[in-house]
Each structure stands twice: as C-alpha cells, then as structure tokens.
Amino acid sequence: MSSNITLKKSFNFSVRVVNVYKYLRDEKKEYVLSKQLLRSGTSIGANINESIAAQSKKDFISKMSIANKEARETKYWIKLLISTGYLDATKEHTKSLMSDIDEIIKLLTSIVKTSQERLNNAKQ
C-alpha cells in the first residue's frame, strides 16, 4: 500500500529534520525557525501514521490532507532557512532535504487526490 511507503519515507524524513534541528540549535544557535521546522517536519509522519487507523475513508483523506499541509509548511521553513543563511543551498544534505520534501508532497498530493476520486466514485 502506498501509505506504508509514504509512512516510511516520512519517518526517515522526520529523523533528518530532528538532526537538522539539533544542528541549527547547537551550531547556528537558531531557536525559533528551527523549532517551527521540527514541529511541521515531524508532524507529517505522525499524521500519516494516524491515517492508517482512520475510522473512515473521509477520516483517512483528512489525515493525509493534514500531512500534505504540514509537508508544504515544512518546505516553506526549509526555504526560509536557506534564504536567511542558516542552511546552505549548495550543500548536498540541504539539496537532498529539499528533494525529499518535494517527493513527500507529490506522494501525499497523489494519495489525497486518488482517495477523493475513489470516494466520489463510490458515492455515485
């Protein structure tokens, strides 16, 4: 099931976000933006995990939609951290972090769209 792949990718991404947070906190002495990144970046996987135990298809779509919104917010914080010089856009780990969040957003967008279409088709 695609949500299990998405769950694994989001968990691995969360681990990376925690490590970026620790780097920003310890090395760059940045406490505000990094905390926002930590909250939204780890929330993605938490919401995907909740979706696995969804009570209905609508509940599943809702949880995955929230995960998608959190992923988009996370991308915003990464871009802001790059633009303010806390993360270096030329470094491989920053490029791969951005690539990972883009992939997660694409997966979540596809899952939500497909799930909504299936729900609508089932109603007809």
C-alpha atoms as a PDB file:
ATOM      1  CA  MET A   1       0.000   0.000   0.000  1.00  0.00           C
ATOM      2  CA  SER A   2       1.325   3.429  -0.930  1.00  0.00           C
ATOM      3  CA  SER A   3       0.652   4.896   2.523  1.00  0.00           C
ATOM      4  CA  ASN A   4       3.174   2.423   4.015  1.00  0.00           C
ATOM      5  CA  ILE A   5       5.851   3.643   1.594  1.00  0.00           C
ATOM      6  CA  THR A   6       4.832   7.188   2.437  1.00  0.00           C
ATOM      7  CA  LEU A   7       4.959   6.399   6.155  1.00  0.00           C
ATOM      8  CA  LYS A   8       8.492   5.001   5.827  1.00  0.00           C
ATOM      9  CA  LYS A   9       9.667   7.995   3.776  1.00  0.00           C
ATOM     10  CA  SER A  10       8.069  10.455   6.187  1.00  0.00           C
ATOM     11  CA  PHE A  11       9.598   8.712   9.208  1.00  0.00           C
ATOM     12  CA  ASN A  12      13.068   8.827   7.647  1.00  0.00           C
ATOM     13  CA  PHE A  13      12.460  12.466   6.787  1.00  0.00           C
ATOM     14  CA  SER A  14      11.437  13.171  10.392  1.00  0.00           C
ATOM     15  CA  VAL A  15      14.713  11.700  11.616  1.00  0.00           C
ATOM     16  CA  ARG A  16      16.581  14.024   9.243  1.00  0.00           C
ATOM     17  CA  VAL A  17      14.527  17.005  10.452  1.00  0.00           C
ATOM     18  CA  VAL A  18      15.381  16.209  14.076  1.00  0.00           C
ATOM     19  CA  ASN A  19      19.069  16.117  13.137  1.00  0.00           C
ATOM     20  CA  VAL A  20      18.809  19.415  11.223  1.00  0.00           C
ATOM     21  CA  TYR A  21      17.047  20.924  14.247  1.00  0.00           C
ATOM     22  CA  LYS A  22      19.874  19.792  16.554  1.00  0.00           C
ATOM     23  CA  TYR A  23      22.451  21.222  14.133  1.00  0.00           C
ATOM     24  CA  LEU A  24      20.641  24.565  13.880  1.00  0.00           C
ATOM     25  CA  ARG A  25      20.180  24.755  17.644  1.00  0.00           C
ATOM     26  CA  ASP A  26      23.699  23.672  18.636  1.00  0.00           C
ATOM     27  CA  GLU A  27      25.856  25.023  15.802  1.00  0.00           C
ATOM     28  CA  LYS A  28      23.926  28.030  14.496  1.00  0.00           C
ATOM     29  CA  LYS A  29      22.242  28.993  17.791  1.00  0.00           C
ATOM     30  CA  GLU A  30      18.961  29.354  15.921  1.00  0.00           C
ATOM     31  CA  TYR A  31      15.955  28.534  18.115  1.00  0.00           C
ATOM     32  CA  VAL A  32      12.781  29.922  16.540  1.00  0.00           C
ATOM     33  CA  LEU A  33      12.768  28.865  12.876  1.00  0.00           C
ATOM     34  CA  SER A  34      14.361  25.523  13.710  1.00  0.00           C
ATOM     35  CA  LYS A  35      11.575  24.767  16.206  1.00  0.00           C
ATOM     36  CA  GLN A  36       8.970  25.517  13.516  1.00  0.00           C
ATOM     37  CA  LEU A  37      10.790  23.136  11.151  1.00  0.00           C
ATOM     38  CA  LEU A  38      10.898  20.483  13.869  1.00  0.00           C
ATOM     39  CA  ARG A  39       7.177  20.762  14.580  1.00  0.00           C
ATOM     40  CA  SER A  40       5.951  20.678  10.992  1.00  0.00           C
ATOM     41  CA  GLY A  41       8.586  18.215   9.744  1.00  0.00           C
ATOM     42  CA  THR A  42       7.802  15.596  12.373  1.00  0.00           C
ATOM     43  CA  SER A  43       4.053  16.175  12.143  1.00  0.00           C
ATOM     44  CA  ILE A  44       3.969  14.802   8.580  1.00  0.00           C
ATOM     45  CA  GLY A  45       4.729  11.236   9.633  1.00  0.00           C
ATOM     46  CA  ALA A  46       2.552  11.477  12.733  1.00  0.00           C
ATOM     47  CA  ASN A  47      -0.488  12.340  10.611  1.00  0.00           C
ATOM     48  CA  ILE A  48       0.299   9.629   8.056  1.00  0.00           C
ATOM     49  CA  ASN A  49       0.590   7.162  10.929  1.00  0.00           C
ATOM     50  CA  GLU A  50      -2.798   8.300  12.260  1.00  0.00           C
ATOM     51  CA  SER A  51      -4.320   7.827   8.802  1.00  0.00           C
ATOM     52  CA  ILE A  52      -3.532   4.104   8.950  1.00  0.00           C
ATOM     53  CA  ALA A  53      -6.055   3.767  11.783  1.00  0.00           C
ATOM     54  CA  ALA A  54      -8.607   6.050  10.143  1.00  0.00           C
ATOM     55  CA  GLN A  55     -12.234   5.392  11.050  1.00  0.00           C
ATOM     56  CA  SER A  56     -13.444   6.034   7.516  1.00  0.00           C
ATOM     57  CA  LYS A  57     -12.268   6.973   4.044  1.00  0.00           C
ATOM     58  CA  LYS A  58     -13.132  10.609   4.831  1.00  0.00           C
ATOM     59  CA  ASP A  59     -11.044  10.430   8.015  1.00  0.00           C
ATOM     60  CA  PHE A  60      -8.150   8.915   6.019  1.00  0.00           C
ATOM     61  CA  ILE A  61      -8.358  11.722   3.457  1.00  0.00           C
ATOM     62  CA  SER A  62      -8.479  14.307   6.246  1.00  0.00           C
ATOM     63  CA  LYS A  63      -5.353  12.954   7.972  1.00  0.00           C
ATOM     64  CA  MET A  64      -3.452  12.690   4.687  1.00  0.00           C
ATOM     65  CA  SER A  65      -4.535  16.222   3.755  1.00  0.00           C
ATOM     66  CA  ILE A  66      -3.194  17.499   7.075  1.00  0.00           C
ATOM     67  CA  ALA A  67       0.080  15.640   6.434  1.00  0.00           C
ATOM     68  CA  ASN A  68       0.233  17.303   2.992  1.00  0.00           C
ATOM     69  CA  LYS A  69      -0.288  20.739   4.538  1.00  0.00           C
ATOM     70  CA  GLU A  70       2.419  20.064   7.109  1.00  0.00           C
ATOM     71  CA  ALA A  71       4.773  18.953   4.316  1.00  0.00           C
ATOM     72  CA  ARG A  72       4.154  22.188   2.443  1.00  0.00           C
ATOM     73  CA  GLU A  73       4.749  24.184   5.619  1.00  0.00           C
ATOM     74  CA  THR A  74       7.987  22.254   6.172  1.00  0.00           C
ATOM     75  CA  LYS A  75       9.148  23.155   2.662  1.00  0.00           C
ATOM     76  CA  TYR A  76       8.455  26.807   3.500  1.00  0.00           C
ATOM     77  CA  TRP A  77      10.642  26.633   6.635  1.00  0.00           C
ATOM     78  CA  ILE A  78      13.466  24.924   4.715  1.00  0.00           C
ATOM     79  CA  LYS A  79      13.332  27.627   2.031  1.00  0.00           C
ATOM     80  CA  LEU A  80      13.302  30.353   4.706  1.00  0.00           C
ATOM     81  CA  LEU A  81      16.275  28.783   6.497  1.00  0.00           C
ATOM     82  CA  ILE A  82      18.133  28.707   3.177  1.00  0.00           C
ATOM     83  CA  SER A  83      17.214  32.309   2.335  1.00  0.00           C
ATOM     84  CA  THR A  84      18.357  33.540   5.747  1.00  0.00           C
ATOM     85  CA  GLY A  85      21.687  31.699   5.553  1.00  0.00           C
ATOM     86  CA  TYR A  86      21.063  29.120   8.262  1.00  0.00           C
ATOM     87  CA  LEU A  87      21.126  26.305   5.680  1.00  0.00           C
ATOM     88  CA  ASP A  88      23.416  26.277   2.659  1.00  0.00           C
ATOM     89  CA  ALA A  89      21.525  25.544  -0.572  1.00  0.00           C
ATOM     90  CA  THR A  90      24.734  24.349  -2.239  1.00  0.00           C
ATOM     91  CA  LYS A  91      25.340  21.575   0.306  1.00  0.00           C
ATOM     92  CA  GLU A  92      24.274  18.073  -0.682  1.00  0.00           C
ATOM     93  CA  HIS A  93      22.362  17.440   2.545  1.00  0.00           C
ATOM     94  CA  THR A  94      20.269  20.586   2.004  1.00  0.00           C
ATOM     95  CA  LYS A  95      19.579  19.653  -1.626  1.00  0.00           C
ATOM     96  CA  SER A  96      18.538  16.148  -0.601  1.00  0.00           C
ATOM     97  CA  LEU A  97      16.345  17.504   2.219  1.00  0.00           C
ATOM     98  CA  MET A  98      14.528  19.678  -0.330  1.00  0.00           C
ATOM     99  CA  SER A  99      14.302  16.771  -2.767  1.00  0.00           C
ATOM    100  CA  ASP A 100      12.839  14.519  -0.052  1.00  0.00           C
ATOM    101  CA  ILE A 101      10.164  17.032   0.951  1.00  0.00           C
ATOM    102  CA  ASP A 102       9.231  17.565  -2.705  1.00  0.00           C
ATOM    103  CA  GLU A 103       8.841  13.795  -3.123  1.00  0.00           C
ATOM    104  CA  ILE A 104       6.707  13.524   0.024  1.00  0.00           C
ATOM    105  CA  ILE A 105       4.471  16.387  -1.155  1.00  0.00           C
ATOM    106  CA  LYS A 106       3.990  14.670  -4.544  1.00  0.00           C
ATOM    107  CA  LEU A 107       3.142  11.349  -2.873  1.00  0.00           C
ATOM    108  CA  LEU A 108       0.678  12.923  -0.445  1.00  0.00           C
ATOM    109  CA  THR A 109      -0.961  15.033  -3.146  1.00  0.00           C
ATOM    110  CA  SER A 110      -1.416  11.926  -5.282  1.00  0.00           C
ATOM    111  CA  ILE A 111      -2.806   9.863  -2.383  1.00  0.00           C
ATOM    112  CA  VAL A 112      -5.290  12.574  -1.396  1.00  0.00           C
ATOM    113  CA  LYS A 113      -6.405  13.162  -4.988  1.00  0.00           C
ATOM    114  CA  THR A 114      -6.822   9.449  -5.745  1.00  0.00           C
ATOM    115  CA  SER A 115      -8.622   8.811  -2.447  1.00  0.00           C
ATOM    116  CA  GLN A 116     -11.021  11.703  -3.043  1.00  0.00           C
ATOM    117  CA  GLU A 117     -11.760  10.437  -6.576  1.00  0.00           C
ATOM    118  CA  ARG A 118     -12.450   6.920  -5.258  1.00  0.00           C
ATOM    119  CA  LEU A 119     -14.709   8.290  -2.534  1.00  0.00           C
ATOM    120  CA  ASN A 120     -16.636  10.409  -5.054  1.00  0.00           C
ATOM    121  CA  ASN A 121     -16.957   7.475  -7.460  1.00  0.00           C
ATOM    122  CA  ALA A 122     -18.245   5.232  -4.658  1.00  0.00           C
ATOM    123  CA  LYS A 123     -20.988   7.771  -3.908  1.00  0.00           C
ATOM    124  CA  GLN A 124     -22.229   7.747  -7.491  1.00  0.00           C
END
